[in-house]
Amino acid sequence: MTEATTVSSNKRGLKWLVASMVLAMAGTVAVSAWADRGAGGHGGHRMGSHGMFMGSPEHMARGIDRVLDGVNATDAQRTQIKAIVQQAAADLKGQRDAGRALRDQAMQLFTAPAVDAAAAESLRQQMLAQHDAASRRTLQAMLEISGVLTPEQRATLAEKMKQRGEHMKKRMQERAERQSPKQ
């Protein structure tokens, strides 16, 4: 192999490496944006998702009331759970803001004339840590809420969540069928 061929091959390999990193980071940014809106990208607020703790206080209150109505929660349970949700929402707002800042950094990094691989890896690690912190806080709130509900209420809630998931899956399939080109 000639020296020119080796240099050309190394440049091609470097281009593939950079392209792969850009694609991986773009995927991370896309997943972050998707997660920021709630699963499915529709801003849905499932019990157990970060989305459950997002939105205006009025919007969250309606969603929590709907969930608590479905499990026949007592007034005492409602008070406790609403306090848990309000605190988690406040904590997670900071997480969402941090996530947005990291996504902005990613866009700046990958639109620079030269992409710094070490900076990209560092940013990826920061994104992972931010997602982990949000996930940990969400789990903490869910465990606190689980401690307030009875086992029967949790079972009822799980069944309702399953039904809602099946309903959403059906709606998404129907939407995909409507949007797919007819052959």
N, C-alpha and C. Protein backbone atom coordinates (compact mmCIF):
# COMPACT_ATOMS: atom_id res chain seq x y z
N MET A 1 0.86 -1.18 0.00
CA MET A 1 0.00 0.00 0.00
C MET A 1 0.90 1.23 0.00
N THR A 2 0.57 2.19 -0.84
CA THR A 2 1.39 3.40 -0.93
C THR A 2 1.04 4.35 0.20
N GLU A 3 1.95 5.33 0.40
CA GLU A 3 1.71 6.31 1.45
C GLU A 3 0.47 7.15 1.15
N ALA A 4 0.23 7.48 -0.11
CA ALA A 4 -0.95 8.26 -0.51
C ALA A 4 -2.23 7.48 -0.21
N THR A 5 -2.21 6.18 -0.47
CA THR A 5 -3.38 5.34 -0.21
C THR A 5 -3.65 5.27 1.29
N THR A 6 -2.59 5.15 2.08
CA THR A 6 -2.73 5.09 3.53
C THR A 6 -3.31 6.39 4.08
N VAL A 7 -2.81 7.53 3.61
CA VAL A 7 -3.32 8.82 4.06
C VAL A 7 -4.79 8.96 3.67
N SER A 8 -5.10 8.59 2.43
CA SER A 8 -6.49 8.66 1.96
C SER A 8 -7.39 7.76 2.80
N SER A 9 -6.92 6.57 3.11
CA SER A 9 -7.69 5.63 3.92
C SER A 9 -7.89 6.17 5.34
N ASN A 10 -6.84 6.78 5.91
CA ASN A 10 -6.95 7.35 7.25
C ASN A 10 -7.94 8.51 7.27
N LYS A 11 -7.91 9.35 6.23
CA LYS A 11 -8.85 10.47 6.17
C LYS A 11 -10.29 9.96 6.07
N ARG A 12 -10.47 8.92 5.24
CA ARG A 12 -11.80 8.33 5.10
C ARG A 12 -12.26 7.75 6.43
N GLY A 13 -11.37 7.08 7.14
CA GLY A 13 -11.71 6.52 8.45
C GLY A 13 -12.07 7.61 9.45
N LEU A 14 -11.31 8.71 9.40
CA LEU A 14 -11.60 9.83 10.28
C LEU A 14 -12.95 10.45 9.95
N LYS A 15 -13.25 10.56 8.68
CA LYS A 15 -14.55 11.11 8.27
C LYS A 15 -15.68 10.21 8.77
N TRP A 16 -15.50 8.91 8.65
CA TRP A 16 -16.53 7.98 9.14
C TRP A 16 -16.68 8.09 10.66
N LEU A 17 -15.56 8.24 11.35
CA LEU A 17 -15.60 8.38 12.80
C LEU A 17 -16.37 9.64 13.20
N VAL A 18 -16.04 10.76 12.56
CA VAL A 18 -16.72 12.02 12.86
C VAL A 18 -18.20 11.91 12.51
N ALA A 19 -18.50 11.34 11.33
CA ALA A 19 -19.90 11.19 10.92
C ALA A 19 -20.66 10.31 11.92
N SER A 20 -20.02 9.26 12.39
CA SER A 20 -20.66 8.38 13.37
C SER A 20 -20.90 9.10 14.68
N MET A 21 -19.93 9.91 15.11
CA MET A 21 -20.11 10.65 16.36
C MET A 21 -21.22 11.68 16.23
N VAL A 22 -21.27 12.36 15.08
CA VAL A 22 -22.34 13.34 14.86
C VAL A 22 -23.68 12.63 14.90
N LEU A 23 -23.78 11.49 14.24
CA LEU A 23 -25.02 10.73 14.24
C LEU A 23 -25.38 10.28 15.66
N ALA A 24 -24.41 9.79 16.40
CA ALA A 24 -24.68 9.34 17.77
C ALA A 24 -25.12 10.50 18.65
N MET A 25 -24.45 11.63 18.54
CA MET A 25 -24.83 12.78 19.36
C MET A 25 -26.19 13.32 18.93
N ALA A 26 -26.45 13.32 17.61
CA ALA A 26 -27.76 13.77 17.14
C ALA A 26 -28.85 12.85 17.70
N GLY A 27 -28.55 11.55 17.76
CA GLY A 27 -29.50 10.62 18.34
C GLY A 27 -29.72 10.91 19.82
N THR A 28 -28.64 11.22 20.52
CA THR A 28 -28.77 11.57 21.94
C THR A 28 -29.60 12.83 22.11
N VAL A 29 -29.35 13.82 21.26
CA VAL A 29 -30.12 15.06 21.34
C VAL A 29 -31.58 14.78 21.04
N ALA A 30 -31.85 13.96 20.01
CA ALA A 30 -33.23 13.65 19.65
C ALA A 30 -33.93 12.90 20.78
N VAL A 31 -33.24 11.93 21.38
CA VAL A 31 -33.84 11.18 22.49
C VAL A 31 -34.09 12.11 23.67
N SER A 32 -33.15 13.02 23.90
CA SER A 32 -33.34 13.98 25.00
C SER A 32 -34.57 14.84 24.76
N ALA A 33 -34.71 15.30 23.53
CA ALA A 33 -35.88 16.14 23.21
C ALA A 33 -37.16 15.33 23.33
N TRP A 34 -37.11 14.07 22.86
CA TRP A 34 -38.27 13.19 22.95
C TRP A 34 -38.63 12.96 24.40
N ALA A 35 -37.62 12.67 25.22
CA ALA A 35 -37.86 12.42 26.64
C ALA A 35 -38.36 13.68 27.34
N ASP A 36 -37.86 14.82 26.90
CA ASP A 36 -38.28 16.08 27.51
C ASP A 36 -39.76 16.33 27.31
N ARG A 37 -40.33 15.86 26.19
CA ARG A 37 -41.73 16.06 25.91
C ARG A 37 -42.59 14.96 26.49
N GLY A 38 -42.00 13.89 26.94
CA GLY A 38 -42.77 12.75 27.43
C GLY A 38 -42.68 11.66 26.39
N ALA A 39 -42.89 10.44 26.78
CA ALA A 39 -42.76 9.32 25.87
C ALA A 39 -43.70 9.47 24.70
N GLY A 40 -43.21 9.08 23.56
CA GLY A 40 -44.02 9.15 22.35
C GLY A 40 -43.95 10.49 21.67
N GLY A 41 -43.29 11.47 22.30
CA GLY A 41 -43.15 12.77 21.69
C GLY A 41 -44.43 13.56 21.64
N HIS A 42 -45.42 13.17 22.41
CA HIS A 42 -46.71 13.85 22.39
C HIS A 42 -46.96 14.62 23.67
N GLY A 43 -45.96 14.73 24.51
CA GLY A 43 -46.15 15.44 25.77
C GLY A 43 -47.01 14.65 26.74
N GLY A 44 -47.12 13.35 26.51
CA GLY A 44 -47.96 12.52 27.37
C GLY A 44 -47.38 12.42 28.77
N HIS A 45 -48.23 12.37 29.75
CA HIS A 45 -47.78 12.29 31.13
C HIS A 45 -48.22 10.96 31.71
N ARG A 46 -47.36 9.96 31.57
CA ARG A 46 -47.64 8.66 32.15
C ARG A 46 -47.19 8.67 33.59
N MET A 47 -47.87 7.89 34.39
CA MET A 47 -47.44 7.70 35.76
C MET A 47 -46.05 7.07 35.69
N GLY A 48 -45.08 7.68 36.31
CA GLY A 48 -43.74 7.13 36.30
C GLY A 48 -42.82 7.79 35.29
N SER A 49 -43.35 8.62 34.41
CA SER A 49 -42.48 9.32 33.46
C SER A 49 -42.15 10.69 34.03
N HIS A 50 -41.05 11.28 33.53
CA HIS A 50 -40.70 12.63 33.95
C HIS A 50 -41.84 13.57 33.59
N GLY A 51 -42.54 13.27 32.50
CA GLY A 51 -43.62 14.12 32.01
C GLY A 51 -44.74 14.30 33.00
N MET A 52 -44.92 13.34 33.88
CA MET A 52 -45.96 13.45 34.89
C MET A 52 -45.75 14.67 35.77
N PHE A 53 -44.50 15.11 35.87
CA PHE A 53 -44.15 16.21 36.76
C PHE A 53 -43.87 17.51 35.99
N MET A 54 -44.40 17.60 34.76
CA MET A 54 -44.16 18.78 33.93
C MET A 54 -45.46 19.50 33.64
N GLY A 55 -45.31 20.72 33.22
CA GLY A 55 -46.47 21.51 32.82
C GLY A 55 -46.83 22.54 33.87
N SER A 56 -47.87 23.28 33.55
CA SER A 56 -48.33 24.31 34.49
C SER A 56 -48.91 23.63 35.73
N PRO A 57 -48.92 24.33 36.85
CA PRO A 57 -49.50 23.74 38.06
C PRO A 57 -50.95 23.30 37.84
N GLU A 58 -51.72 24.09 37.07
CA GLU A 58 -53.12 23.73 36.81
C GLU A 58 -53.21 22.45 35.99
N HIS A 59 -52.35 22.33 34.99
CA HIS A 59 -52.35 21.14 34.13
C HIS A 59 -51.97 19.90 34.94
N MET A 60 -50.93 20.04 35.76
CA MET A 60 -50.51 18.91 36.59
C MET A 60 -51.60 18.53 37.58
N ALA A 61 -52.25 19.55 38.17
CA ALA A 61 -53.31 19.27 39.16
C ALA A 61 -54.45 18.48 38.52
N ARG A 62 -54.84 18.86 37.30
CA ARG A 62 -55.91 18.13 36.61
C ARG A 62 -55.50 16.69 36.35
N GLY A 63 -54.26 16.51 35.89
CA GLY A 63 -53.79 15.15 35.61
C GLY A 63 -53.72 14.29 36.87
N ILE A 64 -53.20 14.87 37.93
CA ILE A 64 -53.11 14.13 39.20
C ILE A 64 -54.50 13.84 39.74
N ASP A 65 -55.41 14.81 39.66
CA ASP A 65 -56.80 14.57 40.11
C ASP A 65 -57.42 13.43 39.34
N ARG A 66 -57.17 13.39 38.03
CA ARG A 66 -57.74 12.33 37.19
C ARG A 66 -57.20 10.97 37.64
N VAL A 67 -55.91 10.90 37.90
CA VAL A 67 -55.30 9.64 38.36
C VAL A 67 -55.87 9.26 39.72
N LEU A 68 -55.94 10.22 40.62
CA LEU A 68 -56.42 9.93 41.98
C LEU A 68 -57.91 9.59 41.99
N ASP A 69 -58.69 10.21 41.10
CA ASP A 69 -60.11 9.84 40.98
C ASP A 69 -60.22 8.37 40.57
N GLY A 70 -59.33 7.95 39.67
CA GLY A 70 -59.38 6.58 39.16
C GLY A 70 -59.07 5.52 40.19
N VAL A 71 -58.39 5.91 41.28
CA VAL A 71 -58.06 4.93 42.32
C VAL A 71 -58.83 5.22 43.62
N ASN A 72 -59.82 6.13 43.55
CA ASN A 72 -60.63 6.49 44.72
C ASN A 72 -59.77 6.91 45.91
N ALA A 73 -58.84 7.83 45.67
CA ALA A 73 -57.95 8.30 46.73
C ALA A 73 -58.72 9.13 47.75
N THR A 74 -58.31 9.01 48.99
CA THR A 74 -58.91 9.80 50.06
C THR A 74 -58.38 11.24 49.99
N ASP A 75 -59.01 12.13 50.73
CA ASP A 75 -58.54 13.52 50.77
C ASP A 75 -57.12 13.59 51.34
N ALA A 76 -56.84 12.79 52.35
CA ALA A 76 -55.50 12.79 52.95
C ALA A 76 -54.45 12.31 51.93
N GLN A 77 -54.79 11.26 51.18
CA GLN A 77 -53.88 10.77 50.14
C GLN A 77 -53.65 11.83 49.07
N ARG A 78 -54.72 12.50 48.67
CA ARG A 78 -54.62 13.54 47.64
C ARG A 78 -53.66 14.65 48.10
N THR A 79 -53.80 15.07 49.34
CA THR A 79 -52.96 16.13 49.87
C THR A 79 -51.50 15.71 49.86
N GLN A 80 -51.22 14.50 50.34
CA GLN A 80 -49.85 14.00 50.39
C GLN A 80 -49.26 13.86 48.99
N ILE A 81 -50.01 13.27 48.08
CA ILE A 81 -49.50 13.02 46.74
C ILE A 81 -49.30 14.32 45.98
N LYS A 82 -50.21 15.26 46.13
CA LYS A 82 -50.03 16.55 45.45
C LYS A 82 -48.77 17.26 45.95
N ALA A 83 -48.47 17.16 47.24
CA ALA A 83 -47.24 17.77 47.78
C ALA A 83 -46.00 17.09 47.19
N ILE A 84 -46.05 15.77 47.07
CA ILE A 84 -44.93 15.02 46.49
C ILE A 84 -44.72 15.45 45.04
N VAL A 85 -45.81 15.53 44.29
CA VAL A 85 -45.73 15.89 42.87
C VAL A 85 -45.22 17.32 42.71
N GLN A 86 -45.70 18.23 43.53
CA GLN A 86 -45.24 19.63 43.43
C GLN A 86 -43.74 19.74 43.69
N GLN A 87 -43.26 19.04 44.70
CA GLN A 87 -41.82 19.10 44.99
C GLN A 87 -41.00 18.46 43.87
N ALA A 88 -41.46 17.32 43.37
CA ALA A 88 -40.75 16.65 42.28
C ALA A 88 -40.75 17.54 41.03
N ALA A 89 -41.87 18.19 40.76
CA ALA A 89 -41.96 19.07 39.59
C ALA A 89 -40.96 20.21 39.71
N ALA A 90 -40.85 20.79 40.88
CA ALA A 90 -39.89 21.88 41.09
C ALA A 90 -38.46 21.38 40.88
N ASP A 91 -38.16 20.20 41.43
CA ASP A 91 -36.82 19.63 41.27
C ASP A 91 -36.53 19.29 39.81
N LEU A 92 -37.50 18.73 39.12
CA LEU A 92 -37.29 18.30 37.74
C LEU A 92 -37.27 19.47 36.76
N LYS A 93 -37.84 20.60 37.14
CA LYS A 93 -37.75 21.78 36.27
C LYS A 93 -36.29 22.16 36.10
N GLY A 94 -35.55 22.12 37.16
CA GLY A 94 -34.11 22.38 37.08
C GLY A 94 -33.41 21.37 36.19
N GLN A 95 -33.84 20.11 36.27
CA GLN A 95 -33.27 19.07 35.42
C GLN A 95 -33.57 19.34 33.94
N ARG A 96 -34.81 19.74 33.65
CA ARG A 96 -35.17 20.04 32.25
C ARG A 96 -34.35 21.21 31.72
N ASP A 97 -34.19 22.23 32.55
CA ASP A 97 -33.40 23.39 32.14
C ASP A 97 -31.95 22.97 31.86
N ALA A 98 -31.40 22.13 32.72
CA ALA A 98 -30.03 21.64 32.52
C ALA A 98 -29.95 20.82 31.24
N GLY A 99 -30.96 20.01 30.97
CA GLY A 99 -30.98 19.20 29.75
C GLY A 99 -31.03 20.08 28.50
N ARG A 100 -31.83 21.13 28.55
CA ARG A 100 -31.88 22.05 27.41
C ARG A 100 -30.53 22.70 27.17
N ALA A 101 -29.87 23.11 28.25
CA ALA A 101 -28.56 23.73 28.12
C ALA A 101 -27.56 22.76 27.49
N LEU A 102 -27.62 21.50 27.89
CA LEU A 102 -26.72 20.50 27.30
C LEU A 102 -27.02 20.28 25.83
N ARG A 103 -28.30 20.27 25.46
CA ARG A 103 -28.64 20.10 24.04
C ARG A 103 -28.18 21.31 23.23
N ASP A 104 -28.27 22.50 23.81
CA ASP A 104 -27.76 23.69 23.13
C ASP A 104 -26.25 23.57 22.92
N GLN A 105 -25.55 23.08 23.94
CA GLN A 105 -24.10 22.88 23.81
C GLN A 105 -23.79 21.88 22.70
N ALA A 106 -24.60 20.83 22.61
CA ALA A 106 -24.38 19.81 21.57
C ALA A 106 -24.54 20.44 20.19
N MET A 107 -25.54 21.26 20.02
CA MET A 107 -25.75 21.90 18.73
C MET A 107 -24.57 22.81 18.39
N GLN A 108 -24.07 23.55 19.37
CA GLN A 108 -22.91 24.40 19.13
C GLN A 108 -21.68 23.57 18.79
N LEU A 109 -21.50 22.49 19.51
CA LEU A 109 -20.35 21.62 19.28
C LEU A 109 -20.35 21.05 17.87
N PHE A 110 -21.50 20.57 17.42
CA PHE A 110 -21.56 19.89 16.13
C PHE A 110 -21.76 20.83 14.95
N THR A 111 -21.95 22.09 15.20
CA THR A 111 -22.02 23.05 14.11
C THR A 111 -20.73 23.87 14.01
N ALA A 112 -19.77 23.58 14.88
CA ALA A 112 -18.47 24.25 14.83
C ALA A 112 -17.72 23.77 13.59
N PRO A 113 -16.80 24.58 13.07
CA PRO A 113 -16.02 24.17 11.89
C PRO A 113 -15.26 22.86 12.12
N ALA A 114 -14.76 22.65 13.32
CA ALA A 114 -14.08 21.40 13.66
C ALA A 114 -14.73 20.84 14.92
N VAL A 115 -15.10 19.58 14.87
CA VAL A 115 -15.76 18.94 16.01
C VAL A 115 -14.71 18.33 16.91
N ASP A 116 -14.75 18.71 18.17
CA ASP A 116 -13.80 18.22 19.17
C ASP A 116 -14.35 16.93 19.77
N ALA A 117 -13.70 15.81 19.44
CA ALA A 117 -14.18 14.50 19.90
C ALA A 117 -14.17 14.39 21.42
N ALA A 118 -13.16 14.93 22.06
CA ALA A 118 -13.08 14.87 23.52
C ALA A 118 -14.21 15.68 24.16
N ALA A 119 -14.51 16.84 23.58
CA ALA A 119 -15.61 17.66 24.09
C ALA A 119 -16.94 16.95 23.88
N ALA A 120 -17.08 16.27 22.74
CA ALA A 120 -18.32 15.53 22.46
C ALA A 120 -18.52 14.41 23.49
N GLU A 121 -17.46 13.70 23.79
CA GLU A 121 -17.55 12.62 24.78
C GLU A 121 -17.87 13.18 26.16
N SER A 122 -17.24 14.27 26.51
CA SER A 122 -17.52 14.91 27.79
C SER A 122 -18.99 15.33 27.87
N LEU A 123 -19.49 15.90 26.80
CA LEU A 123 -20.89 16.32 26.76
C LEU A 123 -21.82 15.12 26.86
N ARG A 124 -21.48 14.03 26.18
CA ARG A 124 -22.28 12.81 26.27
C ARG A 124 -22.36 12.31 27.71
N GLN A 125 -21.23 12.34 28.40
CA GLN A 125 -21.20 11.91 29.80
C GLN A 125 -22.06 12.84 30.66
N GLN A 126 -22.03 14.13 30.39
CA GLN A 126 -22.85 15.08 31.14
C GLN A 126 -24.34 14.81 30.89
N MET A 127 -24.68 14.50 29.63
CA MET A 127 -26.08 14.20 29.30
C MET A 127 -26.55 12.94 30.03
N LEU A 128 -25.69 11.93 30.05
CA LEU A 128 -26.04 10.70 30.77
C LEU A 128 -26.27 10.99 32.26
N ALA A 129 -25.40 11.79 32.84
CA ALA A 129 -25.53 12.12 34.26
C ALA A 129 -26.82 12.91 34.51
N GLN A 130 -27.16 13.82 33.60
CA GLN A 130 -28.38 14.60 33.75
C GLN A 130 -29.61 13.71 33.65
N HIS A 131 -29.61 12.80 32.68
CA HIS A 131 -30.74 11.86 32.55
C HIS A 131 -30.85 10.97 33.78
N ASP A 132 -29.71 10.53 34.29
CA ASP A 132 -29.71 9.68 35.47
C ASP A 132 -30.27 10.42 36.68
N ALA A 133 -29.90 11.68 36.84
CA ALA A 133 -30.41 12.47 37.96
C ALA A 133 -31.92 12.65 37.85
N ALA A 134 -32.41 12.93 36.65
CA ALA A 134 -33.86 13.09 36.46
C ALA A 134 -34.59 11.77 36.72
N SER A 135 -34.02 10.68 36.24
CA SER A 135 -34.62 9.37 36.45
C SER A 135 -34.65 9.02 37.94
N ARG A 136 -33.57 9.31 38.63
CA ARG A 136 -33.48 9.04 40.06
C ARG A 136 -34.54 9.84 40.83
N ARG A 137 -34.70 11.12 40.45
CA ARG A 137 -35.68 11.97 41.15
C ARG A 137 -37.10 11.50 40.87
N THR A 138 -37.35 11.07 39.63
CA THR A 138 -38.67 10.55 39.29
C THR A 138 -38.96 9.28 40.08
N LEU A 139 -37.98 8.40 40.16
CA LEU A 139 -38.16 7.16 40.94
C LEU A 139 -38.43 7.49 42.41
N GLN A 140 -37.70 8.44 42.96
CA GLN A 140 -37.92 8.83 44.35
C GLN A 140 -39.36 9.27 44.57
N ALA A 141 -39.87 10.11 43.67
CA ALA A 141 -41.26 10.57 43.80
C ALA A 141 -42.23 9.41 43.66
N MET A 142 -41.98 8.50 42.73
CA MET A 142 -42.87 7.36 42.54
C MET A 142 -42.88 6.46 43.76
N LEU A 143 -41.72 6.28 44.38
CA LEU A 143 -41.66 5.47 45.60
C LEU A 143 -42.43 6.15 46.73
N GLU A 144 -42.30 7.47 46.83
CA GLU A 144 -43.05 8.21 47.85
C GLU A 144 -44.55 8.09 47.61
N ILE A 145 -44.97 8.22 46.37
CA ILE A 145 -46.39 8.10 46.03
C ILE A 145 -46.87 6.68 46.32
N SER A 146 -46.03 5.69 45.99
CA SER A 146 -46.40 4.29 46.26
C SER A 146 -46.61 4.05 47.74
N GLY A 147 -45.86 4.76 48.57
CA GLY A 147 -46.02 4.62 50.02
C GLY A 147 -47.32 5.21 50.53
N VAL A 148 -47.91 6.10 49.76
CA VAL A 148 -49.17 6.73 50.16
C VAL A 148 -50.37 5.89 49.70
N LEU A 149 -50.26 5.28 48.53
CA LEU A 149 -51.37 4.47 48.00
C LEU A 149 -51.38 3.08 48.63
N THR A 150 -52.55 2.48 48.69
CA THR A 150 -52.67 1.10 49.17
C THR A 150 -52.26 0.14 48.05
N PRO A 151 -51.96 -1.11 48.40
CA PRO A 151 -51.65 -2.09 47.34
C PRO A 151 -52.80 -2.22 46.33
N GLU A 152 -54.04 -2.15 46.80
CA GLU A 152 -55.18 -2.26 45.89
C GLU A 152 -55.23 -1.06 44.93
N GLN A 153 -54.95 0.12 45.46
CA GLN A 153 -54.95 1.32 44.61
C GLN A 153 -53.82 1.24 43.58
N ARG A 154 -52.66 0.74 43.98
CA ARG A 154 -51.55 0.60 43.04
C ARG A 154 -51.89 -0.41 41.95
N ALA A 155 -52.58 -1.50 42.33
CA ALA A 155 -52.99 -2.50 41.33
C ALA A 155 -54.00 -1.89 40.36
N THR A 156 -54.94 -1.12 40.87
CA THR A 156 -55.93 -0.44 40.02
C THR A 156 -55.22 0.52 39.08
N LEU A 157 -54.28 1.28 39.61
CA LEU A 157 -53.52 2.23 38.80
C LEU A 157 -52.73 1.50 37.72
N ALA A 158 -52.10 0.41 38.07
CA ALA A 158 -51.33 -0.37 37.08
C ALA A 158 -52.24 -0.86 35.95
N GLU A 159 -53.42 -1.33 36.30
CA GLU A 159 -54.35 -1.80 35.27
C GLU A 159 -54.79 -0.65 34.37
N LYS A 160 -55.06 0.50 34.95
CA LYS A 160 -55.45 1.67 34.15
C LYS A 160 -54.30 2.12 33.25
N MET A 161 -53.08 2.06 33.76
CA MET A 161 -51.92 2.42 32.95
C MET A 161 -51.75 1.45 31.79
N LYS A 162 -51.99 0.17 32.05
CA LYS A 162 -51.89 -0.83 30.99
C LYS A 162 -52.94 -0.56 29.92
N GLN A 163 -54.16 -0.29 30.33
CA GLN A 163 -55.22 0.00 29.37
C GLN A 163 -54.90 1.26 28.57
N ARG A 164 -54.39 2.27 29.25
CA ARG A 164 -54.04 3.52 28.56
C ARG A 164 -52.92 3.27 27.55
N GLY A 165 -51.94 2.48 27.95
CA GLY A 165 -50.84 2.14 27.04
C GLY A 165 -51.33 1.41 25.81
N GLU A 166 -52.25 0.46 26.00
CA GLU A 166 -52.81 -0.28 24.86
C GLU A 166 -53.60 0.66 23.96
N HIS A 167 -54.36 1.57 24.56
CA HIS A 167 -55.13 2.54 23.79
C HIS A 167 -54.20 3.44 22.97
N MET A 168 -53.13 3.93 23.60
CA MET A 168 -52.18 4.80 22.91
C MET A 168 -51.47 4.04 21.78
N LYS A 169 -51.12 2.79 22.03
CA LYS A 169 -50.46 1.99 21.01
C LYS A 169 -51.38 1.82 19.80
N LYS A 170 -52.65 1.56 20.06
CA LYS A 170 -53.62 1.40 18.98
C LYS A 170 -53.75 2.71 18.19
N ARG A 171 -53.83 3.83 18.90
CA ARG A 171 -53.95 5.13 18.22
C ARG A 171 -52.72 5.43 17.38
N MET A 172 -51.55 5.09 17.89
CA MET A 172 -50.32 5.33 17.14
C MET A 172 -50.27 4.46 15.89
N GLN A 173 -50.72 3.21 16.00
CA GLN A 173 -50.76 2.33 14.84
C GLN A 173 -51.74 2.85 13.80
N GLU A 174 -52.90 3.30 14.25
CA GLU A 174 -53.89 3.86 13.33
C GLU A 174 -53.33 5.10 12.63
N ARG A 175 -52.66 5.94 13.37
CA ARG A 175 -52.07 7.15 12.78
C ARG A 175 -51.01 6.77 11.75
N ALA A 176 -50.18 5.78 12.08
CA ALA A 176 -49.14 5.36 11.15
C ALA A 176 -49.77 4.80 9.87
N GLU A 177 -50.85 4.05 10.02
CA GLU A 177 -51.54 3.50 8.85
C GLU A 177 -52.11 4.61 7.98
N ARG A 178 -52.68 5.63 8.61
CA ARG A 178 -53.24 6.76 7.84
C ARG A 178 -52.14 7.53 7.13
N GLN A 179 -50.98 7.64 7.74
CA GLN A 179 -49.90 8.43 7.17
C GLN A 179 -49.04 7.67 6.18
N SER A 180 -49.13 6.36 6.19
CA SER A 180 -48.29 5.58 5.27
C SER A 180 -48.85 5.72 3.86
N PRO A 181 -47.94 5.77 2.88
CA PRO A 181 -48.42 5.92 1.49
C PRO A 181 -49.20 4.69 1.05
N LYS A 182 -50.29 4.93 0.35
CA LYS A 182 -51.12 3.83 -0.17
C LYS A 182 -50.41 3.20 -1.35
N GLN A 183 -50.48 1.89 -1.45
CA GLN A 183 -49.82 1.21 -2.56
C GLN A 183 -50.82 0.58 -3.48
